[in-house]
Amino acid sequence: MPNHPRAKLHLYGKREARTRRKMGHFTVLGDTFDAALNDALAIRKALGIGAD
């Protein structure tokens, strides 16, 4: 994700990771909704984050 100029990772600063605990999120900007969605899906895949 550091290579994507329009994506930002937001970490919540929680000390302990637990199952299904949200530790942060990422946002993606795009010229269109579809462009942002496609970039977000590609980043999610690259990070190994699956849909629940």
C-alpha atoms as a PDB file:
ATOM      1  CA  MET A   1       0.000   0.000   0.000  1.00  0.00           C
ATOM      2  CA  PRO A   2       2.886   2.462   0.436  1.00  0.00           C
ATOM      3  CA  ASN A   3       3.194   2.419  -3.352  1.00  0.00           C
ATOM      4  CA  HIS A   4      -0.361   3.647  -3.880  1.00  0.00           C
ATOM      5  CA  PRO A   5      -0.463   7.460  -3.919  1.00  0.00           C
ATOM      6  CA  ARG A   6      -4.199   7.736  -3.191  1.00  0.00           C
ATOM      7  CA  ALA A   7      -4.506   5.180  -0.381  1.00  0.00           C
ATOM      8  CA  LYS A   8      -4.119   5.860   3.328  1.00  0.00           C
ATOM      9  CA  LEU A   9      -3.791   3.378   6.180  1.00  0.00           C
ATOM     10  CA  HIS A  10      -5.386   4.393   9.486  1.00  0.00           C
ATOM     11  CA  LEU A  11      -4.247   2.391  12.531  1.00  0.00           C
ATOM     12  CA  TYR A  12      -6.130   2.725  15.808  1.00  0.00           C
ATOM     13  CA  GLY A  13      -3.152   2.179  18.134  1.00  0.00           C
ATOM     14  CA  LYS A  14      -4.635  -0.812  19.941  1.00  0.00           C
ATOM     15  CA  ARG A  15      -2.020  -2.819  21.788  1.00  0.00           C
ATOM     16  CA  GLU A  16      -3.551  -6.279  21.489  1.00  0.00           C
ATOM     17  CA  ALA A  17      -4.883  -8.022  18.397  1.00  0.00           C
ATOM     18  CA  ARG A  18      -7.762 -10.434  18.926  1.00  0.00           C
ATOM     19  CA  THR A  19      -9.926 -12.424  16.565  1.00  0.00           C
ATOM     20  CA  ARG A  20     -12.279 -10.139  14.602  1.00  0.00           C
ATOM     21  CA  ARG A  21     -11.008  -7.015  16.395  1.00  0.00           C
ATOM     22  CA  LYS A  22     -10.690  -4.032  14.077  1.00  0.00           C
ATOM     23  CA  MET A  23      -7.156  -2.681  14.343  1.00  0.00           C
ATOM     24  CA  GLY A  24      -7.506  -0.080  11.590  1.00  0.00           C
ATOM     25  CA  HIS A  25      -8.789   0.570   8.097  1.00  0.00           C
ATOM     26  CA  PHE A  26      -7.670   1.985   4.800  1.00  0.00           C
ATOM     27  CA  THR A  27      -9.275   4.558   2.557  1.00  0.00           C
ATOM     28  CA  VAL A  28      -8.783   5.038  -1.171  1.00  0.00           C
ATOM     29  CA  LEU A  29      -9.547   8.112  -3.255  1.00  0.00           C
ATOM     30  CA  GLY A  30     -10.339   7.907  -6.946  1.00  0.00           C
ATOM     31  CA  ASP A  31     -11.576  10.056  -9.783  1.00  0.00           C
ATOM     32  CA  THR A  32     -14.704   7.883  -9.892  1.00  0.00           C
ATOM     33  CA  PHE A  33     -16.387   5.504  -7.489  1.00  0.00           C
ATOM     34  CA  ASP A  34     -15.483   2.540  -9.706  1.00  0.00           C
ATOM     35  CA  ALA A  35     -11.822   3.563  -9.868  1.00  0.00           C
ATOM     36  CA  ALA A  36     -11.596   3.867  -6.072  1.00  0.00           C
ATOM     37  CA  LEU A  37     -13.432   0.568  -5.572  1.00  0.00           C
ATOM     38  CA  ASN A  38     -11.173  -1.288  -8.006  1.00  0.00           C
ATOM     39  CA  ASP A  39      -8.060   0.093  -6.291  1.00  0.00           C
ATOM     40  CA  ALA A  40      -9.441  -0.790  -2.846  1.00  0.00           C
ATOM     41  CA  LEU A  41     -10.228  -4.351  -3.918  1.00  0.00           C
ATOM     42  CA  ALA A  42      -6.727  -4.753  -5.378  1.00  0.00           C
ATOM     43  CA  ILE A  43      -5.152  -3.446  -2.161  1.00  0.00           C
ATOM     44  CA  ARG A  44      -7.332  -5.734  -0.046  1.00  0.00           C
ATOM     45  CA  LYS A  45      -6.226  -8.703  -2.145  1.00  0.00           C
ATOM     46  CA  ALA A  46      -2.550  -7.705  -1.906  1.00  0.00           C
ATOM     47  CA  LEU A  47      -2.856  -7.410   1.893  1.00  0.00           C
ATOM     48  CA  GLY A  48      -4.557 -10.805   2.125  1.00  0.00           C
ATOM     49  CA  ILE A  49      -7.698  -9.381   3.695  1.00  0.00           C
ATOM     50  CA  GLY A  50     -10.776 -11.453   2.838  1.00  0.00           C
ATOM     51  CA  ALA A  51     -14.376 -10.393   2.818  1.00  0.00           C
ATOM     52  CA  ASP A  52     -16.457 -11.625   5.742  1.00  0.00           C
END
